[in-house]
Amino acid sequence: MLKLADNPLFADSNYGLQNKACQLARWSNNASAAAAFMESAKPCLDAVWGPLMSGAGLPFQSPNLLNPSGKNWSSPCGSVDYDNVAAFYCSTNQTLYMPYAGLRVEDGGAHPGIYLAVFAHEYGHHVQHLSGVMEAADEQRYNAGQDSSAGLEVSRRLELQAQCFSGMFLGSATDHGGSIDQQMLNEAWNSNRRGDDHGAPQRDHGSDDHSEGWWRTGSKYNRNQRCNTWAASSKDVA
């Protein structure tokens, strides 16, 4: 049976990501350098999420990664465009889509911590898929009605959990001998007000305060149970 709050991922209060050095390609504000940066980040996430998943008795495999060009992007999960998303994950082909245009470096500047947090968020969706959380959430949302109040709350819980997982990764990897230092963590720490408070057509990601708050919770505590949005009250995922 598919599980959410009682998923094995949250069974042990000591579950968290190992502190490992992560060697990243040098960031630069161009598409080829950004793609190399993301490619170098993927093994770092594999190296910490893989053992955690195995320890929880859950399957693990590394996701695929694509860096599409242009401002309209297609996947087996559907099509999206520059105006609506920065990056996305498709569970059908287990692929992280990290289009350079979606990162909006003209706004974020040469601050790789911002983009690493986005990447780690999408990787968090992969973790949700492998653990069964995503399928259970999709089923719950379908039964509630995709765009109903209850259905949108399911979406927010899913997105805010990915925020928390993103924070876990950056918090666990900072100042452990690799490329992720306090400056990169600070860039991410101050860039995660990525919620629905900017004219979003639906309340499906959570408020800016909650988007930032769940990310910071993951970063500070690095514990899966702290990221169990499914056990949180409705007011904490609004």
Protein backbone atom coordinates (compact mmCIF):
# COMPACT_ATOMS: atom_id res chain seq x y z
CA MET A 1 0.00 0.00 0.00
CA LEU A 2 1.31 3.45 -0.92
CA LYS A 3 2.30 5.56 2.06
CA LEU A 4 2.77 9.23 2.84
CA ALA A 5 3.26 10.28 6.49
CA ASP A 6 4.08 6.69 7.48
CA ASN A 7 6.45 6.09 4.54
CA PRO A 8 9.64 4.17 5.47
CA LEU A 9 11.53 7.30 4.47
CA PHE A 10 10.39 8.89 7.74
CA ALA A 11 10.54 5.83 9.99
CA ASP A 12 13.69 6.71 11.92
CA SER A 13 14.38 10.07 13.57
CA ASN A 14 18.10 9.60 12.82
CA TYR A 15 17.67 9.37 9.05
CA GLY A 16 19.61 12.18 7.41
CA LEU A 17 22.15 12.70 4.66
CA GLN A 18 25.81 11.89 5.21
CA ASN A 19 28.29 14.76 5.31
CA LYS A 20 30.30 14.27 2.13
CA ALA A 21 32.52 16.51 0.06
CA CYS A 22 30.99 17.49 -3.27
CA GLN A 23 33.29 18.60 -6.09
CA LEU A 24 31.39 20.81 -8.52
CA ALA A 25 32.31 22.13 -11.93
CA ARG A 26 32.91 25.86 -11.93
CA TRP A 27 29.73 27.87 -12.41
CA SER A 28 29.53 30.46 -15.17
CA ASN A 29 26.51 32.26 -16.60
CA ASN A 30 26.27 30.34 -19.86
CA ALA A 31 24.38 27.23 -20.90
CA SER A 32 27.35 24.89 -21.34
CA ALA A 33 28.91 25.76 -17.98
CA ALA A 34 25.53 25.46 -16.24
CA ALA A 35 25.00 22.01 -17.78
CA ALA A 36 28.45 20.90 -16.60
CA PHE A 37 27.67 22.24 -13.13
CA MET A 38 24.45 20.22 -12.92
CA GLU A 39 26.15 17.09 -14.29
CA SER A 40 28.80 17.39 -11.57
CA ALA A 41 26.15 17.84 -8.86
CA LYS A 42 24.20 14.69 -9.71
CA PRO A 43 26.82 12.20 -8.41
CA CYS A 44 26.97 14.19 -5.16
CA LEU A 45 23.25 13.74 -4.58
CA ASP A 46 23.42 10.10 -5.64
CA ALA A 47 26.18 9.49 -3.10
CA VAL A 48 24.12 10.69 -0.15
CA TRP A 49 20.56 9.78 -1.11
CA GLY A 50 21.47 6.27 -2.28
CA PRO A 51 22.65 5.00 1.12
CA LEU A 52 19.77 6.69 2.92
CA MET A 53 17.19 5.05 0.65
CA SER A 54 18.85 1.67 0.97
CA GLY A 55 18.99 2.05 4.74
CA ALA A 56 15.25 2.68 4.76
CA GLY A 57 14.65 -0.45 2.69
CA LEU A 58 13.68 1.57 -0.38
CA PRO A 59 14.90 1.17 -3.98
CA PHE A 60 17.40 3.58 -5.47
CA GLN A 61 18.66 4.45 -8.90
CA SER A 62 20.23 7.60 -10.22
CA PRO A 63 17.94 9.87 -12.22
CA ASN A 64 18.56 10.99 -15.77
CA LEU A 65 19.42 14.62 -16.45
CA LEU A 66 18.60 16.80 -19.44
CA ASN A 67 19.44 20.46 -20.04
CA PRO A 68 17.05 21.49 -22.83
CA SER A 69 17.48 24.72 -24.75
CA GLY A 70 14.85 27.25 -25.68
CA LYS A 71 11.92 28.47 -23.60
CA ASN A 72 9.39 25.68 -24.22
CA TRP A 73 10.16 22.16 -23.05
CA SER A 74 8.51 18.80 -23.62
CA SER A 75 8.70 15.57 -21.66
CA PRO A 76 6.65 12.35 -21.36
CA CYS A 77 4.88 14.13 -18.48
CA GLY A 78 3.74 16.99 -20.70
CA SER A 79 4.95 20.36 -21.93
CA VAL A 80 5.84 23.46 -19.93
CA ASP A 81 7.29 26.85 -20.70
CA TYR A 82 9.59 29.51 -19.39
CA ASP A 83 6.77 31.58 -17.91
CA ASN A 84 5.60 28.82 -15.59
CA VAL A 85 8.59 26.80 -14.34
CA ALA A 86 12.31 27.10 -13.65
CA ALA A 87 13.00 23.37 -13.81
CA PHE A 88 10.96 20.17 -13.50
CA TYR A 89 11.03 16.43 -12.87
CA CYS A 90 9.25 13.77 -14.89
CA SER A 91 8.67 10.50 -13.07
CA THR A 92 7.73 8.65 -16.27
CA ASN A 93 11.33 8.67 -17.49
CA GLN A 94 12.90 9.55 -14.12
CA THR A 95 14.51 12.65 -15.58
CA LEU A 96 15.51 15.99 -14.10
CA TYR A 97 14.98 18.81 -16.61
CA MET A 98 17.24 21.79 -15.95
CA PRO A 99 16.79 24.25 -18.83
CA TYR A 100 19.23 27.12 -18.69
CA ALA A 101 16.59 29.70 -19.63
CA GLY A 102 14.44 28.59 -16.70
CA LEU A 103 17.17 29.44 -14.19
CA ARG A 104 16.86 33.13 -15.07
CA VAL A 105 20.49 33.95 -14.40
CA GLU A 106 19.75 37.51 -15.46
CA ASP A 107 18.02 37.81 -12.08
CA GLY A 108 20.10 35.42 -9.95
CA GLY A 109 23.52 36.43 -11.23
CA ALA A 110 26.66 34.34 -10.80
CA HIS A 111 25.51 32.76 -7.53
CA PRO A 112 25.68 28.97 -7.94
CA GLY A 113 24.07 28.25 -4.57
CA ILE A 114 20.77 29.50 -5.99
CA TYR A 115 20.86 27.07 -8.90
CA LEU A 116 22.15 24.16 -6.84
CA ALA A 117 19.13 24.55 -4.55
CA VAL A 118 16.81 24.36 -7.57
CA PHE A 119 18.60 21.24 -8.79
CA ALA A 120 18.43 19.62 -5.35
CA HIS A 121 14.69 20.42 -5.21
CA GLU A 122 14.06 18.56 -8.47
CA TYR A 123 16.22 15.70 -7.21
CA GLY A 124 14.00 15.67 -4.13
CA HIS A 125 11.07 14.86 -6.42
CA HIS A 126 13.06 11.87 -7.69
CA VAL A 127 13.44 10.69 -4.09
CA GLN A 128 9.68 11.08 -3.64
CA HIS A 129 9.09 9.03 -6.76
CA LEU A 130 11.42 6.19 -5.72
CA SER A 131 9.96 6.03 -2.21
CA GLY A 132 6.37 5.86 -3.43
CA VAL A 133 5.51 9.23 -1.92
CA MET A 134 4.86 10.85 -5.28
CA GLU A 135 2.52 8.09 -6.49
CA ALA A 136 0.63 8.11 -3.19
CA ALA A 137 0.29 11.90 -3.39
CA ASP A 138 -0.88 11.75 -7.00
CA GLU A 139 -3.54 9.22 -6.04
CA GLN A 140 -4.68 11.31 -3.08
CA ARG A 141 -4.86 14.44 -5.18
CA TYR A 142 -6.77 12.67 -7.95
CA ASN A 143 -9.31 11.35 -5.46
CA ALA A 144 -9.72 14.79 -3.87
CA GLY A 145 -9.97 16.56 -7.23
CA GLN A 146 -6.86 17.96 -8.89
CA ASP A 147 -7.78 21.61 -8.44
CA SER A 148 -9.94 21.33 -5.33
CA SER A 149 -8.79 22.92 -2.08
CA ALA A 150 -7.78 19.50 -0.74
CA GLY A 151 -6.06 18.57 -4.00
CA LEU A 152 -4.00 21.74 -4.05
CA GLU A 153 -2.96 21.14 -0.44
CA VAL A 154 -1.57 17.75 -1.50
CA SER A 155 0.46 19.51 -4.19
CA ARG A 156 1.80 22.01 -1.66
CA ARG A 157 2.86 19.23 0.71
CA LEU A 158 4.74 17.55 -2.15
CA GLU A 159 6.48 20.74 -3.26
CA LEU A 160 7.36 21.92 0.24
CA GLN A 161 8.84 18.53 1.02
CA ALA A 162 11.08 18.82 -2.05
CA GLN A 163 12.13 22.21 -0.70
CA CYS A 164 13.05 20.60 2.61
CA PHE A 165 15.01 17.83 0.85
CA SER A 166 16.90 20.48 -1.11
CA GLY A 167 17.87 22.21 2.12
CA MET A 168 18.99 18.88 3.60
CA PHE A 169 21.45 18.37 0.79
CA LEU A 170 23.06 21.80 0.90
CA GLY A 171 23.18 21.79 4.68
CA SER A 172 24.79 18.35 4.77
CA ALA A 173 27.44 19.17 2.16
CA THR A 174 28.54 22.63 3.31
CA ASP A 175 32.14 22.98 4.52
CA HIS A 176 33.01 19.30 4.23
CA GLY A 177 36.01 19.64 1.98
CA GLY A 178 34.31 20.15 -1.38
CA SER A 179 32.98 23.02 -3.45
CA ILE A 180 29.94 23.78 -1.32
CA ASP A 181 31.00 26.43 1.17
CA GLN A 182 29.22 28.84 3.48
CA GLN A 183 28.87 31.44 0.74
CA MET A 184 27.06 28.98 -1.52
CA LEU A 185 24.83 27.93 1.37
CA ASN A 186 24.03 31.58 2.11
CA GLU A 187 23.12 32.15 -1.55
CA ALA A 188 20.64 29.30 -1.35
CA TRP A 189 19.44 30.26 2.14
CA ASN A 190 18.38 33.68 0.86
CA SER A 191 16.86 32.59 -2.46
CA ASN A 192 14.08 30.20 -1.55
CA ARG A 193 11.09 32.48 -1.38
CA ARG A 194 9.78 30.58 -4.39
CA GLY A 195 6.16 30.12 -3.44
CA ASP A 196 2.79 31.19 -4.76
CA ASP A 197 2.96 34.84 -3.70
CA HIS A 198 3.85 36.15 -7.16
CA GLY A 199 0.60 35.94 -9.01
CA ALA A 200 0.59 32.16 -9.36
CA PRO A 201 -2.62 30.90 -11.03
CA GLN A 202 -3.02 28.21 -8.35
CA ARG A 203 -1.95 27.79 -4.73
CA ASP A 204 -0.06 24.60 -5.48
CA HIS A 205 3.47 25.29 -4.15
CA GLY A 206 2.92 27.06 -0.83
CA SER A 207 3.48 30.60 0.36
CA ASP A 208 6.87 32.28 0.08
CA ASP A 209 7.24 32.03 3.85
CA HIS A 210 6.62 28.30 3.83
CA SER A 211 8.78 27.69 0.77
CA GLU A 212 11.66 29.41 2.53
CA GLY A 213 10.83 27.95 5.95
CA TRP A 214 10.76 24.30 4.86
CA TRP A 215 14.01 24.75 2.92
CA ARG A 216 15.71 26.24 5.97
CA THR A 217 14.35 23.47 8.20
CA GLY A 218 15.97 20.89 5.95
CA SER A 219 19.23 22.80 5.90
CA LYS A 220 19.40 23.30 9.67
CA TYR A 221 18.39 19.84 10.85
CA ASN A 222 19.21 17.40 8.00
CA ARG A 223 16.63 14.89 9.22
CA ASN A 224 14.00 13.23 7.07
CA GLN A 225 11.38 13.35 9.80
CA ARG A 226 11.75 17.15 9.90
CA CYS A 227 10.73 17.11 6.21
CA ASN A 228 7.59 15.03 6.72
CA THR A 229 5.14 17.57 5.37
CA TRP A 230 2.47 14.86 5.31
CA ALA A 231 2.37 14.91 9.11
CA ALA A 232 2.27 18.73 9.29
CA SER A 233 -0.84 20.74 10.02
CA SER A 234 -2.63 22.44 7.15
CA LYS A 235 -1.58 25.87 8.39
CA ASP A 236 2.09 24.88 8.01
CA VAL A 237 1.69 24.01 4.35
CA ALA A 238 -0.55 26.88 3.30
